[in-house]
Protein backbone atom coordinates (compact mmCIF):
# COMPACT_ATOMS: atom_id res chain seq x y z
CA MET A 1 138.06 136.74 95.30
CA ALA A 2 140.92 134.97 97.37
CA SER A 3 140.54 134.06 101.01
CA THR A 4 143.40 135.05 103.33
CA ILE A 5 144.99 133.48 106.36
CA SER A 6 146.43 135.68 108.75
CA ARG A 7 148.12 134.48 112.48
CA ARG A 8 149.15 136.48 115.53
CA ALA A 9 152.56 137.35 115.71
CA ALA A 10 155.21 139.87 116.05
CA ALA A 11 155.85 142.72 113.83
CA ASP A 12 159.32 141.70 112.99
CA GLU A 13 158.67 137.73 113.10
CA LEU A 14 159.14 135.92 109.85
CA PRO A 15 157.11 132.92 109.57
CA THR A 16 159.02 129.68 108.36
CA PRO A 17 158.19 127.13 105.49
CA GLN A 18 156.97 124.79 108.23
CA GLU A 19 154.99 126.90 110.13
CA VAL A 20 152.80 128.29 107.01
CA LYS A 21 152.54 124.71 105.99
CA ARG A 22 151.27 123.82 109.46
CA LEU A 23 148.76 126.69 109.62
CA PHE A 24 147.60 125.67 106.17
CA GLY A 25 146.98 122.02 107.48
CA GLU A 26 145.01 123.19 110.43
CA ARG A 27 142.44 125.28 107.83
CA MET A 28 142.17 122.43 105.65
CA ALA A 29 141.18 120.29 108.90
CA LYS A 30 138.55 122.80 110.37
CA ARG A 31 137.30 123.66 106.84
CA LEU A 32 137.44 120.46 105.02
CA GLY A 33 133.57 119.62 105.20
CA GLU A 34 132.74 122.95 103.73
CA TRP A 35 135.20 122.93 100.97
CA LEU A 36 133.41 119.59 100.11
CA CYS A 37 130.50 121.71 99.65
CA ARG A 38 132.00 124.16 97.68
CA ARG A 39 132.98 124.26 93.54
CA GLU A 40 134.22 127.60 92.92
CA LEU A 41 136.43 127.50 90.39
CA ALA A 42 139.86 129.22 91.35
CA SER A 43 140.24 132.95 90.08
CA SER A 44 142.80 133.84 87.60
CA ALA A 45 145.18 135.69 90.26
CA PRO A 46 144.92 135.98 94.02
CA GLU A 47 144.01 139.50 95.60
CA THR A 48 145.95 140.46 98.13
CA GLN A 49 143.21 141.53 101.05
CA ALA A 50 144.48 142.00 104.30
CA THR A 51 141.38 140.51 106.44
CA VAL A 52 140.60 137.24 106.91
CA ASP A 53 137.47 135.71 105.37
CA GLU A 54 136.38 132.81 107.79
CA SER A 55 133.02 132.56 106.24
CA ALA A 56 134.05 132.09 102.40
CA GLY A 57 136.78 129.60 102.11
CA ILE A 58 136.95 130.88 98.36
CA TRP A 59 140.32 129.94 96.09
CA PRO A 60 142.71 130.61 96.00
CA MET A 61 143.94 131.09 99.49
CA ARG A 62 146.75 132.94 100.62
CA PHE A 63 149.43 133.58 103.28
CA GLY A 64 151.29 136.79 104.00
CA LEU A 65 154.80 136.38 105.09
CA GLY A 66 154.95 139.81 106.38
CA ALA A 67 156.10 143.09 105.21
CA LEU A 68 159.82 142.64 105.15
CA THR A 69 161.78 146.16 105.01
CA GLU A 70 165.34 147.14 104.66
CA ALA A 71 165.01 148.23 108.68
CA ARG A 72 164.14 144.44 109.76
CA ALA A 73 166.55 143.26 107.21
CA VAL A 74 169.59 145.10 108.69
CA LYS A 75 168.87 144.36 112.52
CA ASP A 76 169.89 140.82 111.53
CA VAL A 77 171.06 140.38 107.91
CA SER A 78 172.17 136.91 108.42
CA ALA A 79 168.85 135.62 109.76
CA VAL A 80 167.24 137.50 106.98
CA LEU A 81 169.19 135.75 104.45
CA GLN A 82 168.60 132.43 106.02
CA TRP A 83 165.17 133.03 106.04
CA VAL A 84 164.99 134.08 102.13
CA GLN A 85 166.96 130.60 101.45
CA SER A 86 164.77 128.33 103.66
CA TRP A 87 161.89 129.54 101.11
CA HIS A 88 164.20 128.77 97.94
CA LEU A 89 165.25 125.40 99.28
CA ALA A 90 161.36 124.53 100.28
CA GLU A 91 159.90 125.76 96.92
CA PRO A 92 160.99 122.81 94.35
CA ASP A 93 159.02 120.43 96.97
CA PHE A 94 156.04 122.33 96.48
CA PRO A 95 153.15 120.76 94.47
CA ASN A 96 151.06 121.56 91.47
CA GLY A 97 149.12 124.65 92.78
CA VAL A 98 150.90 125.80 95.65
CA GLN A 99 153.45 128.44 94.78
CA ILE A 100 155.41 131.26 96.39
CA LEU A 101 154.99 134.91 95.33
CA TRP A 102 158.39 137.31 94.97
CA GLU A 103 158.72 140.95 95.20
CA PRO A 104 162.05 142.62 94.12
CA ARG A 105 162.97 145.62 96.63
CA GLN A 106 165.75 147.86 96.00
CA TRP A 107 166.74 148.98 99.31
CA ARG A 108 169.81 151.71 99.75
CA LEU A 109 171.81 149.86 102.18
CA LEU A 110 171.11 146.27 100.51
CA GLY A 111 170.56 147.02 97.33
CA GLN A 112 168.65 144.78 94.79
CA GLN A 113 166.87 142.21 96.94
CA ARG A 114 164.35 139.47 95.79
CA VAL A 115 161.98 138.11 98.92
CA PRO A 116 159.02 136.00 99.64
CA ILE A 117 155.77 137.91 100.32
CA ALA A 118 153.21 135.49 100.01
CA VAL A 119 152.30 131.81 99.78
CA VAL A 120 149.20 131.26 97.31
CA VAL A 121 147.05 127.68 97.08
CA ARG A 122 145.00 127.41 93.90
CA ASP A 123 142.70 125.04 95.69
CA ALA A 124 141.86 122.49 98.21
CA LEU A 125 143.61 119.65 96.19
CA ALA A 126 146.65 121.57 95.73
CA LEU A 127 146.49 122.02 99.28
CA ALA A 128 145.55 118.39 100.61
CA GLU A 129 148.93 117.22 98.34
CA TRP A 130 151.18 119.80 99.86
CA VAL A 131 149.98 119.11 103.67
CA GLY A 132 150.03 115.11 102.93
CA LEU A 133 146.42 114.78 102.57
CA GLY A 134 145.80 114.28 98.71
CA ARG A 135 144.64 110.67 98.83
CA SER A 136 142.16 111.60 101.13
CA TRP A 137 140.56 114.57 99.80
CA LYS A 138 140.60 112.29 96.43
CA ARG A 139 138.45 109.82 98.48
CA ALA A 140 136.50 112.54 99.90
CA CYS A 141 135.64 114.11 96.81
CA ALA A 142 134.86 110.91 94.92
CA ARG A 143 132.54 110.05 97.73
CA ARG A 144 130.75 113.26 97.79
CA ASP A 145 130.50 113.02 94.03
CA VAL A 146 128.69 109.65 94.04
CA PHE A 147 125.78 110.63 96.91
CA GLU A 148 125.30 113.69 94.81
CA GLN A 149 124.95 111.51 91.30
CA ARG A 150 122.36 109.57 93.26
CA PHE A 151 120.58 112.16 94.92
CA PRO A 152 120.92 115.31 93.29
CA LEU A 153 119.52 117.62 95.94
CA LEU A 154 122.52 116.93 98.22
CA ARG A 155 124.28 119.05 96.60
CA GLU A 156 121.93 122.15 97.60
CA ALA A 157 121.42 120.82 101.26
CA ALA A 158 125.33 120.33 101.49
CA PRO A 159 125.10 117.57 104.70
CA TRP A 160 129.27 117.41 104.39
CA THR A 161 129.51 120.28 106.71
CA ARG A 162 128.52 118.28 109.57
CA TYR A 163 129.02 114.88 108.40
CA GLU A 164 132.59 115.36 106.29
CA GLU A 165 133.44 111.70 108.25
CA VAL A 166 131.15 109.92 105.94
CA ALA A 167 133.48 110.85 102.98
CA THR A 168 136.42 111.12 105.09
CA THR A 169 137.09 108.57 107.75
CA TRP A 170 134.04 106.07 107.26
CA SER A 171 134.86 102.51 105.58
CA MET A 172 133.69 101.50 102.61
CA GLU A 173 131.29 99.07 103.98
CA ASP A 174 129.57 101.66 106.15
CA VAL A 175 128.86 104.30 103.30
CA SER A 176 127.71 101.64 101.05
CA ARG A 177 125.16 100.91 104.21
CA LEU A 178 124.15 104.31 104.25
CA MET A 179 123.96 104.74 100.23
CA ASP A 180 121.42 101.30 100.43
CA LEU A 181 119.55 102.87 102.97
CA LEU A 182 118.91 106.31 101.70
CA GLN A 183 117.42 104.71 98.37
CA TRP A 184 115.36 102.27 100.43
CA LEU A 185 114.08 105.05 102.50
CA GLU A 186 113.56 106.98 99.25
CA ALA A 187 111.77 104.41 97.86
CA ASN A 188 109.61 103.64 101.03
CA PRO A 189 109.10 107.06 102.74
CA ASP A 190 106.42 105.90 105.17
CA SER A 191 106.83 102.06 105.57
CA GLN A 192 105.92 102.24 109.27
CA LEU A 193 108.27 99.35 110.05
CA TYR A 194 110.36 99.32 113.08
CA GLN A 195 114.12 99.75 113.07
CA ARG A 196 114.88 95.81 113.58
CA GLN A 197 112.75 95.43 110.29
CA LEU A 198 114.21 97.26 107.95
CA PRO A 199 115.21 94.74 105.19
CA VAL A 200 118.63 96.43 104.28
CA PRO A 201 121.48 94.10 104.10
CA GLY A 202 123.90 95.30 106.90
CA ILE A 203 121.95 97.58 108.57
CA ASP A 204 120.79 96.53 112.41
CA THR A 205 119.62 98.25 115.37
CA LYS A 206 123.24 99.16 116.74
CA TRP A 207 124.68 100.32 113.54
CA LEU A 208 121.59 102.56 113.30
CA ASP A 209 121.35 103.77 116.79
CA SER A 210 124.59 105.18 116.94
CA ARG A 211 124.17 106.95 113.53
CA ALA A 212 120.32 108.24 113.82
CA GLY A 213 121.04 111.51 113.96
CA LEU A 214 123.17 111.40 110.67
CA VAL A 215 121.10 109.34 108.93
CA ARG A 216 118.04 111.55 109.54
CA ASP A 217 119.86 114.66 108.24
CA PHE A 218 121.01 112.65 105.11
CA VAL A 219 117.29 111.56 104.60
CA LEU A 220 116.06 115.12 104.79
CA ALA A 221 118.89 116.52 102.46
CA THR A 222 118.32 113.88 99.74
CA ARG A 223 114.86 116.09 100.01
CA GLY A 224 116.50 119.41 99.90
CA GLN A 225 115.10 120.04 103.55
CA SER A 226 116.91 121.72 106.43
CA MET A 227 118.18 118.97 108.75
CA GLY A 228 116.72 118.23 112.52
CA GLY A 229 113.41 116.45 113.79
CA ASP A 230 112.58 113.44 114.95
CA PHE A 231 114.15 110.29 113.14
CA GLU A 232 111.56 107.95 112.96
CA LYS A 233 109.14 110.63 111.43
CA VAL A 234 111.44 111.89 109.00
CA CYS A 235 112.20 108.48 108.16
CA GLY A 236 108.75 106.91 107.86
CA LEU A 237 109.57 104.70 110.99
CA ARG A 238 107.32 103.14 113.47
CA PRO A 239 108.39 104.68 116.93
CA ALA A 240 108.83 102.33 120.27
CA PRO A 241 105.71 102.29 121.81
CA THR A 242 105.35 105.19 124.83
CA THR A 243 105.35 103.04 127.66
CA LEU A 244 103.73 104.24 131.31
CA ARG A 245 104.89 102.70 134.71
CA MET A 246 101.64 101.66 136.70
CA ARG A 247 101.46 100.64 140.27
CA VAL A 248 97.86 99.03 141.06
CA LEU A 249 97.91 99.67 144.59
CA CYS A 250 94.51 98.58 145.34
CA PRO A 251 94.53 94.54 146.20
CA GLU A 252 91.04 94.03 145.34
CA MET A 253 91.67 95.75 141.71
CA ARG A 254 94.64 93.58 140.92
CA HIS A 255 92.49 90.70 139.64
CA MET A 256 91.36 92.82 136.72
CA VAL A 257 95.03 92.55 135.72
CA GLY A 258 95.70 89.31 136.28
CA GLY A 259 97.09 89.77 139.51
CA LEU A 260 99.82 91.97 138.85
CA SER A 261 100.79 95.19 140.93
CA ASP A 262 103.48 96.65 138.81
CA ILE A 263 103.54 97.43 135.27
CA GLN A 264 104.93 99.07 132.54
CA ALA A 265 103.12 98.75 129.43
CA PRO A 266 102.36 100.86 126.17
CA ILE A 267 99.41 103.30 126.67
CA GLU A 268 97.08 102.10 124.31
CA ASP A 269 97.42 98.48 126.06
CA LEU A 270 96.77 100.79 129.37
CA ALA A 271 93.91 102.35 127.90
CA ARG A 272 92.03 99.00 126.98
CA LEU A 273 92.10 98.16 130.89
CA LYS A 274 88.87 98.41 132.79
CA LEU A 275 89.76 99.79 135.89
CA ARG A 276 87.47 102.08 138.05
CA PRO A 277 90.05 103.62 140.87
CA THR A 278 88.82 106.15 143.13
CA THR A 279 92.24 107.62 143.70
CA LEU A 280 94.37 108.59 141.17
CA LEU A 281 98.17 109.33 142.49
CA VAL A 282 100.88 110.46 140.57
CA VAL A 283 104.42 110.75 141.78
CA GLU A 284 107.64 111.91 140.16
CA ASN A 285 109.85 109.55 141.67
CA LEU A 286 110.22 105.98 140.75
CA ALA A 287 111.45 104.71 143.76
CA THR A 288 108.96 106.83 146.05
CA GLY A 289 106.35 104.85 143.45
CA LEU A 290 107.89 101.66 144.57
CA ALA A 291 107.81 102.01 147.94
CA LEU A 292 103.87 102.83 148.46
CA PRO A 293 102.12 100.76 150.46
CA PRO A 294 98.70 99.09 149.49
CA LEU A 295 95.88 101.66 149.39
CA ALA A 296 92.45 100.75 148.77
CA GLY A 297 90.83 101.93 145.43
CA THR A 298 94.28 103.38 144.60
CA VAL A 299 96.26 103.41 141.15
CA ALA A 300 99.64 105.31 140.83
CA PHE A 301 101.45 106.44 137.88
CA MET A 302 105.67 106.90 138.52
CA LYS A 303 108.10 109.40 136.36
CA LEU A 304 106.18 110.85 134.29
CA GLY A 305 107.85 114.27 134.00
CA HIS A 306 106.63 116.42 131.11
CA ALA A 307 104.89 113.55 129.43
CA ILE A 308 102.51 113.79 132.33
CA SER A 309 99.98 114.61 129.07
CA GLU A 310 99.98 111.10 128.36
CA LEU A 311 97.66 110.25 130.70
CA ALA A 312 94.91 112.14 128.56
CA ARG A 313 95.24 108.87 126.07
CA ILE A 314 93.75 106.50 128.97
CA PRO A 315 90.02 107.01 128.87
CA TRP A 316 89.36 105.14 132.46
CA LEU A 317 90.94 107.88 134.33
CA PHE A 318 88.29 110.16 133.06
CA GLY A 319 84.96 108.15 134.25
CA GLN A 320 82.13 107.41 131.65
CA GLU A 321 79.92 110.14 130.29
CA GLY A 322 78.27 112.16 133.09
CA GLY A 323 81.26 111.67 135.62
CA GLU A 324 80.32 108.32 136.57
CA GLY A 325 83.80 106.24 137.42
CA LEU A 326 85.58 109.68 137.86
CA PRO A 327 87.96 109.40 140.32
CA ALA A 328 87.18 110.96 143.56
CA ARG A 329 90.98 112.13 144.46
CA VAL A 330 93.48 112.97 141.81
CA LEU A 331 97.04 113.54 143.79
CA TYR A 332 100.18 114.77 142.51
CA TRP A 333 103.15 114.65 144.37
CA GLY A 334 106.57 116.19 142.46
CA ASP A 335 109.56 117.73 143.16
CA ILE A 336 109.44 121.47 144.67
CA ASP A 337 111.30 123.16 142.05
CA THR A 338 110.35 125.54 138.98
CA HIS A 339 109.72 122.44 136.68
CA GLY A 340 107.79 120.45 139.05
CA PHE A 341 105.17 122.95 139.42
CA VAL A 342 105.30 123.41 135.82
CA ILE A 343 104.25 119.65 135.60
CA LEU A 344 101.90 119.92 138.16
CA ALA A 345 100.15 122.76 136.46
CA ARG A 346 100.04 120.76 133.31
CA ALA A 347 98.63 118.06 135.12
CA ARG A 348 95.75 120.17 136.88
CA GLY A 349 94.79 121.18 133.26
CA MET A 350 93.43 117.45 132.92
CA PHE A 351 92.18 117.15 136.32
CA PRO A 352 90.62 120.31 137.80
CA ASP A 353 90.33 119.02 140.89
CA LEU A 354 93.90 117.70 141.39
CA ARG A 355 95.29 118.22 144.72
CA SER A 356 99.18 118.70 145.30
CA ILE A 357 101.19 117.26 148.42
CA LEU A 358 104.19 117.88 149.98
CA MET A 359 104.75 120.51 147.30
CA ASP A 360 104.28 123.53 149.68
CA GLU A 361 106.60 126.13 151.55
CA ARG A 362 106.32 124.35 154.92
CA THR A 363 107.89 121.36 153.28
CA LEU A 364 110.64 123.16 151.25
CA LEU A 365 111.99 125.14 154.57
CA GLN A 366 111.75 121.51 156.53
CA GLY A 367 114.10 119.86 154.13
CA LYS A 368 116.81 122.96 153.68
CA ASP A 369 119.25 120.79 154.61
CA GLN A 370 118.54 118.50 151.62
CA TRP A 371 118.23 121.07 148.90
CA VAL A 372 119.98 120.80 145.60
CA ARG A 373 120.59 123.22 142.65
CA GLU A 374 117.94 123.13 139.89
CA ALA A 375 120.40 122.89 136.66
CA SER A 376 117.98 124.92 134.49
CA GLN A 377 114.95 127.00 135.80
CA SER A 378 111.61 127.21 134.15
CA LYS A 379 111.44 130.51 132.14
CA VAL A 380 107.40 130.83 132.15
CA GLU A 381 106.74 133.72 134.47
CA ASN A 382 103.09 133.02 135.31
CA VAL A 383 102.09 129.25 135.39
CA GLU A 384 98.13 129.15 135.03
CA ARG A 385 96.16 126.69 137.10
CA LEU A 386 98.54 126.80 140.01
CA THR A 387 96.40 127.82 143.42
CA GLU A 388 97.65 131.22 145.03
CA GLN A 389 99.93 129.37 147.37
CA GLU A 390 101.65 127.44 144.83
CA GLN A 391 102.27 130.38 142.22
CA LYS A 392 103.64 132.16 145.26
CA LEU A 393 106.03 129.83 146.07
CA TYR A 394 106.81 129.45 142.29
CA SER A 395 107.27 132.59 142.10
CA GLU A 396 109.61 132.75 145.00
CA LEU A 397 111.81 129.74 143.53
CA ARG A 398 112.29 131.80 140.20
CA SER A 399 113.22 134.85 141.59
CA GLN A 400 115.55 133.05 144.12
CA ALA A 401 113.81 134.51 147.08
CA HIS A 402 115.20 131.02 149.18
CA GLY A 403 118.86 130.93 147.60
CA ALA A 404 120.18 130.44 144.03
CA ASN A 405 117.90 127.45 142.02
CA VAL A 406 116.53 126.21 145.01
CA ARG A 407 115.36 122.35 144.55
CA LEU A 408 114.05 119.77 146.72
CA GLU A 409 113.48 116.16 145.32
CA GLN A 410 110.82 114.43 146.82
CA GLU A 411 113.30 111.18 147.36
CA ARG A 412 115.39 113.25 149.81
CA LEU A 413 112.84 113.49 152.22
CA ALA A 414 112.43 111.07 155.07
CA TRP A 415 109.97 108.34 154.12
CA PRO A 416 107.74 108.03 157.45
CA PRO A 417 106.26 111.37 157.41
CA CYS A 418 105.94 111.64 153.78
CA LEU A 419 103.81 108.15 153.93
CA HIS A 420 101.95 110.07 157.02
CA ALA A 421 101.11 113.19 154.61
CA LEU A 422 100.07 110.96 151.85
CA GLN A 423 97.75 108.99 154.16
CA LEU A 424 96.25 112.18 155.29
CA ALA A 425 95.48 113.47 151.86
CA MET A 426 93.52 110.49 151.05
CA SER A 427 91.61 110.24 154.03
């Protein structure tokens, strides 16, 4: 079965050799990665189907030169003769594997004629030679074969459709680095090393950071698995620790953390502290958190977003068995948008008595001049653990009752009234 290249053109337009070569070159640029994954033998003779098979790229590939009729020829005999001659002149320059199909025509006025009807390309190598990419194609195939000889499952996973640059444009140094890294990860599938610790020559964090997705997908391909997923998990590496930003707003508690008031540390380190706050405050904006004044018995976490669930890993926020040491107040102040309410509900799942502040309709309407557009709204229709008023406002935001994707970010609100509202909530 042959695939066919077509184009949009006027019914009587006759494609030139230069145009056909350009169209074949464009096809190669578009499908090169896919062709690297295919090894079908060329069929003995091309078929003359009229439709384009965009999903296959099966050889040989055919480009029809139009249905030249006698009626079309007699309109401009000189132009048609020049066109036929252009194909005669181009034919000697075709490489092996590229041919013109000629067909005899017996016309009433013009007599016996021999006209070109199609160009047929046997395989990708022939096409590459024709469009000036012969050396590049051979190099790409050689690189593909080396990888697949070392990692046989690559042949089925076919990463070249997504990452053809490894075979076509990467330097030999980078290709060698990737090969060495894949071999090391194959031998050490669960090293739990940090990226910086990888003992592979030429591999550093700068090189790896810019190619993490590619490396992940090649590792999966060497195992015959589908692409995607978490880079560190796939490669058996240790991820960078998740850190949280916390402010100890209570001056009396700071002596328990060496006098520090602003701490960003891995969750595991924060979990080992022995703090006993009476108020836990969560604010979604970093600038807001940094502006908070000293507040007795209070710690504040900032800019958690959907990672607010990580607070569940800090035991001193939940007191001791029986409820002793549990914060008397848990306050959440987020943006007034759909995702803000989803995060609020998630936080209340950990802290059932949590109260929201400045996330009501009154605040929204007072800040109308500061509204912006929420890029993408939450798709959850009914969010559990919201109060009746919170659920009402959430539904109004989703239904565009106040306008299109309305959003009021907390940092856009004037600071003095916000601070006053916070102090009232804590009194």
